[in-house]
Amino acid sequence: MIFDCGGDGKVQSDIRERFDSLKESSFSLVIGIRDVYPDKNMTRIRHYLYFGIPATGDIPVKIILAIQEIEAWFLAEETHYPIISERITLAVANEIARNEIPGIDLSMDSTETIPHPSETLKQIYIKGKTTYDKSKEKVERTVGTLSYENLYINIRQRNSSLNELLTCLDELIS
């Protein structure tokens, strides 16, 4: 089951509130995904990551911190740009990303270093005469164009938070 908590500040509280019903429904693992942005204090985030979540061992809970935002994973998936708009080439996307991180290559480097990935993605999409925001419609459009093969095989190697999520999922099915 995939459930949208409706905001990063709600990931822990939603897991905490639903824990008993998930246990009763025989779930074997709960995975939460939380953006780090805009909070830059990783020590504080990690300290409170599992606050109030039962540590009973009945259902393991794993919370993945998407560094900085889950959109960092979208930025790295370079094959989706021309599907969003034929005007968006990798060169165009890199030009925008280099305003944030000089010399970055979205198809080769970690995009977790980009300070505000959703804003960078929005600026790239604007070059393609479209836009991006965190609305359900726009996120689903982008997710629908991503190459899951590329995410799984290549991008996970350069984005540690995506690799952490995929490793959890790999362990579920092995």
Protein backbone atom coordinates (compact mmCIF):
# COMPACT_ATOMS: atom_id res chain seq x y z
CA MET A 1 0.00 0.00 0.00
CA ILE A 2 1.26 3.47 -0.84
CA PHE A 3 -0.11 6.30 1.26
CA ASP A 4 0.51 10.02 0.78
CA CYS A 5 0.93 11.65 4.18
CA GLY A 6 0.38 15.07 2.65
CA GLY A 7 3.62 16.59 3.88
CA ASP A 8 6.98 15.66 5.29
CA GLY A 9 6.12 16.84 8.78
CA LYS A 10 3.39 14.22 8.87
CA VAL A 11 5.41 11.11 7.95
CA GLN A 12 6.30 10.14 11.52
CA SER A 13 2.93 11.13 13.00
CA ASP A 14 0.98 9.26 10.31
CA ILE A 15 3.05 6.11 10.86
CA ARG A 16 2.60 6.48 14.61
CA GLU A 17 -1.18 6.99 14.30
CA ARG A 18 -1.66 4.09 11.86
CA PHE A 19 0.82 1.67 13.43
CA ASP A 20 -1.76 -0.49 15.23
CA SER A 21 -3.99 -0.79 12.17
CA LEU A 22 -1.00 -1.67 9.98
CA LYS A 23 -0.04 -4.34 12.50
CA GLU A 24 -3.61 -5.71 12.53
CA SER A 25 -3.57 -5.75 8.72
CA SER A 26 -0.46 -7.98 8.75
CA PHE A 27 1.95 -5.52 7.18
CA SER A 28 5.51 -6.79 7.38
CA LEU A 29 7.35 -3.49 6.88
CA VAL A 30 6.52 0.21 6.89
CA ILE A 31 8.68 2.49 4.77
CA GLY A 32 8.32 6.25 5.11
CA ILE A 33 9.93 8.77 2.78
CA ARG A 34 10.62 12.26 4.10
CA ASP A 35 12.21 15.19 2.28
CA VAL A 36 14.99 16.93 4.17
CA TYR A 37 14.38 20.33 2.56
CA PRO A 38 13.78 22.95 3.90
CA ASP A 39 15.23 21.76 7.23
CA LYS A 40 19.02 21.79 6.98
CA ASN A 41 19.70 20.38 10.46
CA MET A 42 20.34 16.71 9.65
CA THR A 43 21.43 15.93 13.22
CA ARG A 44 18.06 17.11 14.56
CA ILE A 45 16.11 15.35 11.81
CA ARG A 46 17.89 12.04 12.44
CA HIS A 47 17.50 12.41 16.22
CA TYR A 48 13.70 12.75 15.97
CA LEU A 49 13.18 10.51 12.94
CA TYR A 50 11.57 7.66 14.87
CA PHE A 51 10.14 9.71 17.74
CA GLY A 52 7.00 8.06 19.12
CA ILE A 53 7.06 5.16 16.67
CA PRO A 54 6.74 1.85 18.57
CA ALA A 55 9.96 -0.15 18.60
CA THR A 56 8.16 -3.40 19.36
CA GLY A 57 9.71 -5.40 16.56
CA ASP A 58 6.23 -6.45 15.38
CA ILE A 59 6.56 -4.36 12.24
CA PRO A 60 9.90 -2.84 11.31
CA VAL A 61 9.71 0.83 10.36
CA LYS A 62 12.24 2.40 8.01
CA ILE A 63 12.16 6.10 7.24
CA ILE A 64 14.19 7.17 4.22
CA LEU A 65 15.41 10.75 4.12
CA ALA A 66 15.24 11.98 0.52
CA ILE A 67 18.27 14.28 0.34
CA GLN A 68 17.25 17.17 -0.24
CA GLU A 69 13.90 16.30 -1.78
CA ILE A 70 12.53 13.33 -3.70
CA GLU A 71 12.73 15.61 -6.75
CA ALA A 72 16.52 15.10 -6.63
CA TRP A 73 15.78 11.62 -7.96
CA PHE A 74 13.59 13.09 -10.72
CA LEU A 75 16.34 15.55 -11.71
CA ALA A 76 18.82 12.69 -12.10
CA GLU A 77 16.51 10.72 -14.41
CA GLU A 78 17.64 12.49 -17.56
CA THR A 79 15.62 10.43 -20.05
CA HIS A 80 12.32 11.91 -18.91
CA TYR A 81 13.03 15.51 -19.95
CA PRO A 82 12.17 15.24 -23.66
CA ILE A 83 9.01 13.30 -22.73
CA ILE A 84 7.90 16.26 -20.59
CA SER A 85 8.78 18.66 -23.43
CA GLU A 86 10.77 18.26 -26.62
CA ARG A 87 12.37 21.61 -25.73
CA ILE A 88 14.11 20.12 -22.69
CA THR A 89 17.37 18.45 -23.60
CA LEU A 90 19.96 17.25 -21.11
CA ALA A 91 22.05 20.30 -22.08
CA VAL A 92 19.16 22.61 -21.16
CA ALA A 93 18.59 20.79 -17.86
CA ASN A 94 22.30 20.89 -17.02
CA GLU A 95 22.44 24.62 -17.81
CA ILE A 96 19.71 25.29 -15.22
CA ALA A 97 21.21 22.92 -12.63
CA ARG A 98 24.62 24.56 -13.03
CA ASN A 99 23.12 27.80 -11.72
CA GLU A 100 22.92 25.93 -8.39
CA ILE A 101 25.97 23.63 -8.59
CA PRO A 102 28.65 24.76 -11.07
CA GLY A 103 29.86 21.93 -13.28
CA ILE A 104 27.15 19.44 -12.31
CA ASP A 105 26.05 16.89 -14.88
CA LEU A 106 22.59 15.55 -14.02
CA SER A 107 23.31 12.32 -15.87
CA MET A 108 26.58 11.63 -14.02
CA ASP A 109 26.62 13.33 -10.61
CA SER A 110 24.65 13.08 -7.40
CA THR A 111 21.70 15.45 -7.51
CA GLU A 112 21.39 15.28 -3.72
CA THR A 113 23.79 18.24 -3.58
CA ILE A 114 21.27 20.57 -5.25
CA PRO A 115 19.86 22.78 -2.47
CA HIS A 116 16.20 22.88 -3.61
CA PRO A 117 15.59 20.18 -6.24
CA SER A 118 11.88 20.87 -6.77
CA GLU A 119 12.65 24.50 -7.61
CA THR A 120 15.43 23.44 -10.00
CA LEU A 121 13.05 20.96 -11.65
CA LYS A 122 10.46 23.73 -11.97
CA GLN A 123 13.00 26.02 -13.68
CA ILE A 124 13.98 23.24 -16.10
CA TYR A 125 10.34 22.58 -16.96
CA ILE A 126 9.72 26.31 -17.51
CA LYS A 127 12.37 26.15 -20.26
CA GLY A 128 10.13 23.51 -21.84
CA LYS A 129 7.10 25.84 -21.61
CA THR A 130 5.53 23.83 -18.82
CA THR A 131 5.95 23.79 -15.06
CA TYR A 132 6.36 21.62 -11.99
CA ASP A 133 4.97 21.88 -8.50
CA LYS A 134 4.15 19.40 -5.77
CA SER A 135 0.50 19.07 -6.80
CA LYS A 136 -0.73 15.52 -7.29
CA GLU A 137 -1.32 16.17 -11.00
CA LYS A 138 2.19 17.48 -11.71
CA VAL A 139 3.97 14.87 -9.59
CA GLU A 140 2.02 12.04 -11.25
CA ARG A 141 2.82 13.45 -14.70
CA THR A 142 6.53 13.49 -13.89
CA VAL A 143 6.55 10.08 -12.21
CA GLY A 144 4.75 8.66 -15.24
CA THR A 145 7.59 9.73 -17.52
CA LEU A 146 10.50 8.42 -15.43
CA SER A 147 12.50 5.41 -16.55
CA TYR A 148 12.33 3.02 -13.60
CA GLU A 149 15.04 0.92 -15.21
CA ASN A 150 17.38 3.93 -15.25
CA LEU A 151 16.47 4.80 -11.65
CA TYR A 152 17.08 1.23 -10.52
CA ILE A 153 20.28 0.50 -12.44
CA ASN A 154 22.09 3.83 -12.73
CA ILE A 155 20.71 6.63 -10.62
CA ARG A 156 20.70 4.70 -7.37
CA GLN A 157 24.50 4.45 -7.71
CA ARG A 158 24.89 8.21 -7.40
CA ASN A 159 21.98 9.13 -5.09
CA SER A 160 22.38 7.40 -1.74
CA SER A 161 18.83 8.03 -0.50
CA LEU A 162 17.32 6.43 -3.62
CA ASN A 163 19.70 3.51 -3.20
CA GLU A 164 18.59 3.14 0.42
CA LEU A 165 14.93 2.98 -0.65
CA LEU A 166 15.58 0.51 -3.46
CA THR A 167 17.69 -1.67 -1.18
CA CYS A 168 14.74 -1.83 1.28
CA LEU A 169 12.42 -2.83 -1.55
CA ASP A 170 14.93 -5.39 -2.85
CA GLU A 171 15.06 -6.99 0.61
CA LEU A 172 11.25 -7.23 0.67
CA ILE A 173 11.12 -9.34 -2.46
CA SER A 174 14.22 -11.47 -1.90
